[in-house]
Amino acid sequence: MTQRRPLPPDLFDELCPSSLLPFRFGDKWASMVLLCLDDGPRRYSELRVPLRRVTPKALTQSLRGLERNGFVSRTVHADPKLRVEYALTPLGRSMLEPLDAACRWAVEHWDELLDAHEGGEDAASPVG
């Protein structure tokens, strides 16, 4: 097995722009999972490092959804001990460019998105 560079724990900022996007790539966490797999296959425990805010159940559901939709492959290795790796399929890899464009757009419009998000929260608050 080749040694991979570990995923940094701070790969995703606490104030990630993806939470303000008016559209999604898959479920809430799918885009972050795709980005984690950009440099090659990863084990579940490796994905948990930068995705520590994601509950294990939600991460498992996201991985299953990405696999079901053809974006991620799941490979079970039995040598020398059982381990499972997740990797981008060609279809999943093709999503990285549009995902990158969406992230750049969110960064460019961060203040506007934040203002709109906060304004929407104010409108939902009861008048008192």
N, C-alpha and C. Protein backbone atom coordinates (compact mmCIF):
# COMPACT_ATOMS: atom_id res chain seq x y z
N MET A 1 0.85 -1.18 0.00
CA MET A 1 0.00 0.00 0.00
C MET A 1 0.89 1.24 0.00
N THR A 2 0.59 2.19 -0.86
CA THR A 2 1.38 3.42 -0.93
C THR A 2 0.98 4.36 0.20
N GLN A 3 1.95 5.08 0.69
CA GLN A 3 1.71 6.04 1.79
C GLN A 3 1.13 7.32 1.21
N ARG A 4 0.00 7.73 1.70
CA ARG A 4 -0.64 8.97 1.25
C ARG A 4 -0.45 10.05 2.29
N ARG A 5 -0.45 11.26 1.82
CA ARG A 5 -0.41 12.41 2.72
C ARG A 5 -1.73 12.46 3.47
N PRO A 6 -1.70 12.59 4.80
CA PRO A 6 -2.96 12.64 5.56
C PRO A 6 -3.77 13.87 5.19
N LEU A 7 -5.08 13.73 5.33
CA LEU A 7 -5.96 14.88 5.12
C LEU A 7 -5.81 15.82 6.31
N PRO A 8 -5.66 17.11 6.06
CA PRO A 8 -5.53 18.06 7.18
C PRO A 8 -6.85 18.21 7.93
N PRO A 9 -6.78 18.27 9.26
CA PRO A 9 -8.01 18.42 10.05
C PRO A 9 -8.76 19.71 9.75
N ASP A 10 -8.05 20.74 9.28
CA ASP A 10 -8.70 22.03 9.02
C ASP A 10 -8.98 22.24 7.53
N LEU A 11 -9.17 21.15 6.79
CA LEU A 11 -9.44 21.24 5.35
C LEU A 11 -10.67 22.09 5.07
N PHE A 12 -11.66 22.02 5.96
CA PHE A 12 -12.89 22.79 5.79
C PHE A 12 -13.05 23.75 6.95
N ASP A 13 -13.16 25.02 6.61
CA ASP A 13 -13.34 26.08 7.60
C ASP A 13 -14.69 25.90 8.29
N GLU A 14 -14.75 26.29 9.54
CA GLU A 14 -16.00 26.23 10.31
C GLU A 14 -17.10 27.01 9.58
N LEU A 15 -16.72 28.11 8.94
CA LEU A 15 -17.67 28.93 8.20
C LEU A 15 -17.56 28.63 6.71
N CYS A 16 -17.72 27.40 6.36
CA CYS A 16 -17.59 26.96 4.97
C CYS A 16 -18.67 27.60 4.12
N PRO A 17 -18.29 28.18 2.98
CA PRO A 17 -19.29 28.83 2.13
C PRO A 17 -20.34 27.86 1.60
N SER A 18 -20.06 26.56 1.59
CA SER A 18 -21.02 25.62 1.03
C SER A 18 -22.35 25.64 1.78
N SER A 19 -22.33 26.03 3.05
CA SER A 19 -23.58 26.07 3.80
C SER A 19 -24.48 27.21 3.34
N LEU A 20 -23.94 28.19 2.64
CA LEU A 20 -24.73 29.32 2.16
C LEU A 20 -25.12 29.21 0.69
N LEU A 21 -24.60 28.18 0.00
CA LEU A 21 -24.93 28.05 -1.42
C LEU A 21 -26.42 27.81 -1.60
N PRO A 22 -27.01 28.42 -2.62
CA PRO A 22 -28.44 28.21 -2.87
C PRO A 22 -28.70 26.89 -3.61
N PHE A 23 -27.67 26.09 -3.84
CA PHE A 23 -27.81 24.80 -4.51
C PHE A 23 -26.82 23.82 -3.88
N ARG A 24 -27.06 22.53 -4.10
CA ARG A 24 -26.21 21.50 -3.50
C ARG A 24 -25.74 20.49 -4.53
N PHE A 25 -24.60 19.91 -4.25
CA PHE A 25 -24.08 18.77 -5.00
C PHE A 25 -24.37 17.55 -4.14
N GLY A 26 -25.46 16.87 -4.40
CA GLY A 26 -25.82 15.72 -3.56
C GLY A 26 -26.40 16.18 -2.24
N ASP A 27 -26.09 15.44 -1.16
CA ASP A 27 -26.60 15.81 0.15
C ASP A 27 -25.73 16.91 0.78
N LYS A 28 -26.02 17.24 2.01
CA LYS A 28 -25.34 18.33 2.71
C LYS A 28 -23.82 18.18 2.72
N TRP A 29 -23.31 16.94 2.83
CA TRP A 29 -21.88 16.71 3.00
C TRP A 29 -21.19 16.19 1.75
N ALA A 30 -21.94 15.88 0.69
CA ALA A 30 -21.38 15.22 -0.49
C ALA A 30 -20.22 15.99 -1.13
N SER A 31 -20.36 17.30 -1.26
CA SER A 31 -19.29 18.07 -1.91
C SER A 31 -17.99 17.99 -1.11
N MET A 32 -18.09 17.98 0.21
CA MET A 32 -16.89 17.88 1.04
C MET A 32 -16.26 16.50 0.92
N VAL A 33 -17.09 15.47 0.83
CA VAL A 33 -16.56 14.11 0.64
C VAL A 33 -15.83 14.03 -0.69
N LEU A 34 -16.43 14.57 -1.76
CA LEU A 34 -15.78 14.55 -3.07
C LEU A 34 -14.42 15.24 -3.01
N LEU A 35 -14.35 16.38 -2.35
CA LEU A 35 -13.08 17.10 -2.25
C LEU A 35 -12.04 16.30 -1.46
N CYS A 36 -12.46 15.58 -0.45
CA CYS A 36 -11.54 14.76 0.34
C CYS A 36 -10.94 13.63 -0.49
N LEU A 37 -11.66 13.18 -1.51
CA LEU A 37 -11.21 12.06 -2.33
C LEU A 37 -10.43 12.51 -3.57
N ASP A 38 -10.25 13.80 -3.73
CA ASP A 38 -9.56 14.35 -4.90
C ASP A 38 -8.16 13.78 -5.08
N ASP A 39 -7.41 13.59 -4.01
CA ASP A 39 -6.02 13.11 -4.11
C ASP A 39 -5.89 11.60 -4.12
N GLY A 40 -7.00 10.88 -4.16
CA GLY A 40 -6.93 9.42 -4.22
C GLY A 40 -7.80 8.77 -3.18
N PRO A 41 -7.81 7.42 -3.18
CA PRO A 41 -8.67 6.67 -2.27
C PRO A 41 -8.37 6.99 -0.80
N ARG A 42 -9.43 6.92 0.00
CA ARG A 42 -9.32 7.18 1.44
C ARG A 42 -10.15 6.17 2.20
N ARG A 43 -9.68 5.86 3.40
CA ARG A 43 -10.44 5.03 4.31
C ARG A 43 -11.41 5.92 5.07
N TYR A 44 -12.45 5.31 5.61
CA TYR A 44 -13.46 6.03 6.37
C TYR A 44 -12.82 6.84 7.50
N SER A 45 -11.88 6.23 8.22
CA SER A 45 -11.23 6.91 9.34
C SER A 45 -10.44 8.13 8.87
N GLU A 46 -9.91 8.10 7.66
CA GLU A 46 -9.20 9.26 7.12
C GLU A 46 -10.19 10.39 6.80
N LEU A 47 -11.35 10.03 6.28
CA LEU A 47 -12.36 11.03 5.95
C LEU A 47 -12.89 11.72 7.20
N ARG A 48 -12.93 10.99 8.30
CA ARG A 48 -13.45 11.54 9.56
C ARG A 48 -12.61 12.70 10.08
N VAL A 49 -11.33 12.77 9.71
CA VAL A 49 -10.46 13.83 10.25
C VAL A 49 -10.95 15.22 9.81
N PRO A 50 -11.01 15.52 8.52
CA PRO A 50 -11.50 16.86 8.15
C PRO A 50 -13.02 16.99 8.27
N LEU A 51 -13.72 15.86 8.30
CA LEU A 51 -15.18 15.89 8.38
C LEU A 51 -15.66 15.58 9.79
N ARG A 52 -14.92 16.05 10.78
CA ARG A 52 -15.22 15.73 12.18
C ARG A 52 -16.56 16.29 12.64
N ARG A 53 -17.07 17.33 11.98
CA ARG A 53 -18.38 17.89 12.34
C ARG A 53 -19.53 17.01 11.87
N VAL A 54 -19.24 16.10 10.95
CA VAL A 54 -20.26 15.23 10.38
C VAL A 54 -20.42 14.02 11.30
N THR A 55 -21.64 13.67 11.64
CA THR A 55 -21.84 12.49 12.47
C THR A 55 -21.48 11.25 11.66
N PRO A 56 -21.02 10.19 12.32
CA PRO A 56 -20.70 8.96 11.59
C PRO A 56 -21.87 8.46 10.74
N LYS A 57 -23.09 8.57 11.26
CA LYS A 57 -24.27 8.13 10.50
C LYS A 57 -24.44 8.95 9.23
N ALA A 58 -24.31 10.27 9.34
CA ALA A 58 -24.48 11.15 8.18
C ALA A 58 -23.38 10.91 7.15
N LEU A 59 -22.14 10.68 7.60
CA LEU A 59 -21.05 10.42 6.67
C LEU A 59 -21.29 9.09 5.94
N THR A 60 -21.72 8.09 6.66
CA THR A 60 -22.02 6.79 6.03
C THR A 60 -23.14 6.94 5.01
N GLN A 61 -24.19 7.68 5.35
CA GLN A 61 -25.30 7.90 4.42
C GLN A 61 -24.83 8.66 3.18
N SER A 62 -23.97 9.65 3.38
CA SER A 62 -23.45 10.43 2.25
C SER A 62 -22.61 9.54 1.33
N LEU A 63 -21.73 8.73 1.92
CA LEU A 63 -20.90 7.82 1.11
C LEU A 63 -21.77 6.83 0.35
N ARG A 64 -22.79 6.29 0.98
CA ARG A 64 -23.69 5.35 0.31
C ARG A 64 -24.43 6.01 -0.84
N GLY A 65 -24.89 7.25 -0.62
CA GLY A 65 -25.57 7.98 -1.68
C GLY A 65 -24.65 8.28 -2.85
N LEU A 66 -23.42 8.68 -2.56
CA LEU A 66 -22.45 8.96 -3.62
C LEU A 66 -22.11 7.69 -4.39
N GLU A 67 -22.02 6.57 -3.68
CA GLU A 67 -21.76 5.28 -4.33
C GLU A 67 -22.96 4.88 -5.20
N ARG A 68 -24.15 5.00 -4.66
CA ARG A 68 -25.37 4.63 -5.39
C ARG A 68 -25.53 5.46 -6.67
N ASN A 69 -25.11 6.72 -6.62
CA ASN A 69 -25.24 7.62 -7.78
C ASN A 69 -24.05 7.56 -8.73
N GLY A 70 -23.07 6.70 -8.43
CA GLY A 70 -21.96 6.49 -9.35
C GLY A 70 -20.79 7.45 -9.21
N PHE A 71 -20.75 8.25 -8.14
CA PHE A 71 -19.67 9.21 -7.96
C PHE A 71 -18.49 8.65 -7.18
N VAL A 72 -18.75 7.66 -6.35
CA VAL A 72 -17.73 7.08 -5.48
C VAL A 72 -17.79 5.56 -5.59
N SER A 73 -16.60 4.95 -5.58
CA SER A 73 -16.54 3.48 -5.53
C SER A 73 -16.08 3.07 -4.14
N ARG A 74 -16.54 1.91 -3.73
CA ARG A 74 -16.17 1.34 -2.42
C ARG A 74 -15.48 0.02 -2.70
N THR A 75 -14.22 -0.10 -2.23
CA THR A 75 -13.43 -1.30 -2.47
C THR A 75 -13.04 -1.92 -1.14
N VAL A 76 -13.31 -3.21 -1.01
CA VAL A 76 -12.93 -3.95 0.19
C VAL A 76 -11.65 -4.70 -0.11
N HIS A 77 -10.62 -4.48 0.71
CA HIS A 77 -9.34 -5.18 0.59
C HIS A 77 -9.24 -6.15 1.77
N ALA A 78 -8.83 -7.37 1.49
CA ALA A 78 -8.75 -8.38 2.56
C ALA A 78 -7.30 -8.69 2.94
N ASP A 79 -6.34 -7.99 2.36
CA ASP A 79 -4.94 -8.32 2.65
C ASP A 79 -4.21 -7.15 3.28
N PRO A 80 -3.42 -7.28 4.26
CA PRO A 80 -3.31 -8.42 5.17
C PRO A 80 -4.47 -8.46 6.16
N LYS A 81 -5.13 -7.31 6.35
CA LYS A 81 -6.35 -7.32 7.17
C LYS A 81 -7.44 -6.56 6.41
N LEU A 82 -8.65 -6.80 6.80
CA LEU A 82 -9.80 -6.20 6.12
C LEU A 82 -9.77 -4.68 6.23
N ARG A 83 -9.91 -4.01 5.08
CA ARG A 83 -10.03 -2.56 5.07
C ARG A 83 -10.86 -2.14 3.87
N VAL A 84 -11.54 -1.01 4.00
CA VAL A 84 -12.41 -0.49 2.95
C VAL A 84 -11.88 0.87 2.54
N GLU A 85 -11.83 1.10 1.24
CA GLU A 85 -11.42 2.40 0.73
C GLU A 85 -12.50 2.96 -0.20
N TYR A 86 -12.62 4.26 -0.17
CA TYR A 86 -13.54 4.97 -1.04
C TYR A 86 -12.71 5.79 -2.01
N ALA A 87 -13.15 5.84 -3.27
CA ALA A 87 -12.42 6.58 -4.30
C ALA A 87 -13.42 7.22 -5.26
N LEU A 88 -12.98 8.28 -5.90
CA LEU A 88 -13.81 8.91 -6.93
C LEU A 88 -13.84 8.02 -8.17
N THR A 89 -15.00 7.89 -8.76
CA THR A 89 -15.13 7.25 -10.06
C THR A 89 -14.84 8.33 -11.11
N PRO A 90 -14.72 7.96 -12.39
CA PRO A 90 -14.57 9.01 -13.41
C PRO A 90 -15.72 10.02 -13.37
N LEU A 91 -16.94 9.55 -13.11
CA LEU A 91 -18.07 10.46 -13.01
C LEU A 91 -17.91 11.41 -11.82
N GLY A 92 -17.46 10.87 -10.69
CA GLY A 92 -17.21 11.70 -9.51
C GLY A 92 -16.12 12.71 -9.76
N ARG A 93 -15.05 12.28 -10.44
CA ARG A 93 -13.95 13.18 -10.75
C ARG A 93 -14.43 14.30 -11.66
N SER A 94 -15.39 14.01 -12.55
CA SER A 94 -15.90 15.04 -13.46
C SER A 94 -16.69 16.12 -12.71
N MET A 95 -17.09 15.84 -11.48
CA MET A 95 -17.82 16.83 -10.67
C MET A 95 -16.90 17.84 -10.00
N LEU A 96 -15.59 17.55 -9.95
CA LEU A 96 -14.67 18.43 -9.23
C LEU A 96 -14.58 19.82 -9.86
N GLU A 97 -14.59 19.90 -11.19
CA GLU A 97 -14.50 21.20 -11.84
C GLU A 97 -15.73 22.07 -11.57
N PRO A 98 -16.96 21.55 -11.76
CA PRO A 98 -18.12 22.38 -11.41
C PRO A 98 -18.19 22.70 -9.91
N LEU A 99 -17.75 21.79 -9.09
CA LEU A 99 -17.73 22.02 -7.64
C LEU A 99 -16.75 23.15 -7.31
N ASP A 100 -15.59 23.13 -7.94
CA ASP A 100 -14.61 24.19 -7.74
C ASP A 100 -15.18 25.54 -8.18
N ALA A 101 -15.88 25.55 -9.32
CA ALA A 101 -16.49 26.80 -9.80
C ALA A 101 -17.53 27.30 -8.80
N ALA A 102 -18.34 26.40 -8.24
CA ALA A 102 -19.35 26.80 -7.25
C ALA A 102 -18.70 27.36 -5.99
N CYS A 103 -17.59 26.74 -5.56
CA CYS A 103 -16.88 27.23 -4.37
C CYS A 103 -16.29 28.61 -4.63
N ARG A 104 -15.70 28.81 -5.81
CA ARG A 104 -15.15 30.14 -6.15
C ARG A 104 -16.27 31.18 -6.17
N TRP A 105 -17.42 30.82 -6.75
CA TRP A 105 -18.56 31.73 -6.80
C TRP A 105 -19.00 32.11 -5.38
N ALA A 106 -19.07 31.11 -4.49
CA ALA A 106 -19.50 31.36 -3.11
C ALA A 106 -18.53 32.29 -2.39
N VAL A 107 -17.24 32.11 -2.62
CA VAL A 107 -16.24 32.98 -2.00
C VAL A 107 -16.39 34.41 -2.52
N GLU A 108 -16.60 34.55 -3.83
CA GLU A 108 -16.76 35.88 -4.43
C GLU A 108 -18.02 36.59 -3.92
N HIS A 109 -19.04 35.83 -3.59
CA HIS A 109 -20.32 36.41 -3.17
C HIS A 109 -20.62 36.17 -1.70
N TRP A 110 -19.57 35.89 -0.93
CA TRP A 110 -19.71 35.53 0.48
C TRP A 110 -20.54 36.56 1.26
N ASP A 111 -20.17 37.83 1.16
CA ASP A 111 -20.86 38.87 1.92
C ASP A 111 -22.34 38.96 1.54
N GLU A 112 -22.63 38.89 0.24
CA GLU A 112 -24.02 38.94 -0.21
C GLU A 112 -24.81 37.74 0.29
N LEU A 113 -24.20 36.55 0.21
CA LEU A 113 -24.87 35.33 0.69
C LEU A 113 -25.12 35.39 2.19
N LEU A 114 -24.12 35.88 2.92
CA LEU A 114 -24.25 35.98 4.37
C LEU A 114 -25.35 36.97 4.75
N ASP A 115 -25.37 38.14 4.05
CA ASP A 115 -26.41 39.14 4.32
C ASP A 115 -27.80 38.56 4.02
N ALA A 116 -27.93 37.87 2.91
CA ALA A 116 -29.22 37.30 2.54
C ALA A 116 -29.63 36.22 3.54
N HIS A 117 -28.68 35.41 3.96
CA HIS A 117 -28.96 34.35 4.92
C HIS A 117 -29.41 34.94 6.25
N GLU A 118 -28.69 35.95 6.72
CA GLU A 118 -29.04 36.60 7.98
C GLU A 118 -30.36 37.34 7.86
N GLY A 119 -30.62 37.95 6.71
CA GLY A 119 -31.89 38.64 6.49
C GLY A 119 -33.05 37.66 6.49
N GLY A 120 -32.83 36.47 5.95
CA GLY A 120 -33.86 35.44 5.94
C GLY A 120 -34.15 34.94 7.35
N GLU A 121 -33.12 34.86 8.19
CA GLU A 121 -33.33 34.44 9.56
C GLU A 121 -34.12 35.49 10.34
N ASP A 122 -33.83 36.78 10.05
CA ASP A 122 -34.55 37.86 10.72
C ASP A 122 -36.03 37.83 10.31
N ALA A 123 -36.29 37.55 9.04
CA ALA A 123 -37.68 37.53 8.55
C ALA A 123 -38.46 36.37 9.16
N ALA A 124 -37.74 35.27 9.50
CA ALA A 124 -38.41 34.11 10.08
C ALA A 124 -38.65 34.26 11.58
N SER A 125 -37.99 35.26 12.20
CA SER A 125 -38.14 35.46 13.64
C SER A 125 -39.51 36.07 13.93
N PRO A 126 -40.14 35.64 15.02
CA PRO A 126 -41.43 36.23 15.39
C PRO A 126 -41.24 37.69 15.80
N VAL A 127 -42.20 38.49 15.43
CA VAL A 127 -42.17 39.90 15.79
C VAL A 127 -42.68 40.02 17.22
N GLY A 128 -41.90 40.73 18.04
CA GLY A 128 -42.33 40.76 19.43
C GLY A 128 -42.17 42.00 20.10
